[in-house]
Amino acid sequence: MNNELITNNSWWKRNWKWLVTTSMLFIVVIAMVLYSGMGKIGRDLAQAYTDEELYQKALVN
């Protein structure tokens, strides 16, 4: 019977494929959002939720 210790691979060696693939996909999606103008729409929506005067006037009028 062979009684050698079992060595585990490092996290990077076990998971590099999905990590690199997910990172590249994330970069592509972010680039598409920035270049398509969706970033401006997102900023406008975030501003609408944070600007109290903006939605108070909308409810009064």
Protein backbone atom coordinates (compact mmCIF):
# COMPACT_ATOMS: atom_id res chain seq x y z
CA MET A 1 0.00 0.00 0.00
CA ASN A 2 1.28 3.45 -0.91
CA ASN A 3 1.19 5.81 2.06
CA GLU A 4 2.23 9.10 0.46
CA LEU A 5 0.64 12.40 1.38
CA ILE A 6 -1.92 13.79 -1.02
CA THR A 7 -1.04 17.35 -2.02
CA ASN A 8 -3.80 19.75 -2.99
CA ASN A 9 -3.33 22.16 -5.84
CA SER A 10 -3.41 25.85 -5.06
CA TRP A 11 -6.59 27.87 -5.50
CA TRP A 12 -5.19 29.53 -8.62
CA LYS A 13 -4.35 26.21 -10.29
CA ARG A 14 -7.82 24.84 -9.61
CA ASN A 15 -9.84 27.92 -10.60
CA TRP A 16 -7.87 29.94 -13.15
CA LYS A 17 -10.10 29.03 -16.10
CA TRP A 18 -13.37 30.32 -14.72
CA LEU A 19 -11.69 33.30 -13.03
CA VAL A 20 -10.07 34.50 -16.25
CA THR A 21 -13.24 33.85 -18.27
CA THR A 22 -15.46 35.68 -15.79
CA SER A 23 -13.03 38.60 -15.57
CA MET A 24 -12.91 38.99 -19.34
CA LEU A 25 -16.70 38.82 -19.59
CA PHE A 26 -17.03 41.43 -16.84
CA ILE A 27 -14.61 43.76 -18.65
CA VAL A 28 -16.51 43.36 -21.93
CA VAL A 29 -19.87 44.09 -20.28
CA ILE A 30 -18.50 47.20 -18.52
CA ALA A 31 -16.99 48.44 -21.80
CA MET A 32 -20.31 47.92 -23.60
CA VAL A 33 -22.18 49.86 -20.93
CA LEU A 34 -19.72 52.74 -21.01
CA TYR A 35 -19.58 53.03 -24.81
CA SER A 36 -23.30 52.57 -25.41
CA GLY A 37 -24.39 55.53 -23.31
CA MET A 38 -26.06 53.34 -20.70
CA GLY A 39 -23.65 54.75 -18.12
CA LYS A 40 -25.26 58.19 -18.51
CA ILE A 41 -28.73 56.72 -18.05
CA GLY A 42 -27.55 54.91 -14.94
CA ARG A 43 -26.03 58.11 -13.54
CA ASP A 44 -29.26 60.00 -14.23
CA LEU A 45 -31.33 57.37 -12.43
CA ALA A 46 -28.97 57.37 -9.46
CA GLN A 47 -29.15 61.16 -9.31
CA ALA A 48 -32.96 61.03 -9.40
CA TYR A 49 -32.98 58.77 -6.35
CA THR A 50 -30.49 60.88 -4.39
CA ASP A 51 -31.75 64.36 -5.26
CA GLU A 52 -34.61 65.12 -2.86
CA GLU A 53 -35.75 68.26 -4.66
CA LEU A 54 -36.16 66.37 -7.90
CA TYR A 55 -38.70 63.86 -6.63
CA GLN A 56 -40.44 66.25 -4.22
CA LYS A 57 -41.29 68.56 -7.12
CA ALA A 58 -42.53 65.57 -9.11
CA LEU A 59 -44.92 64.59 -6.32
CA VAL A 60 -46.22 68.15 -5.74
CA ASN A 61 -46.88 69.02 -9.39
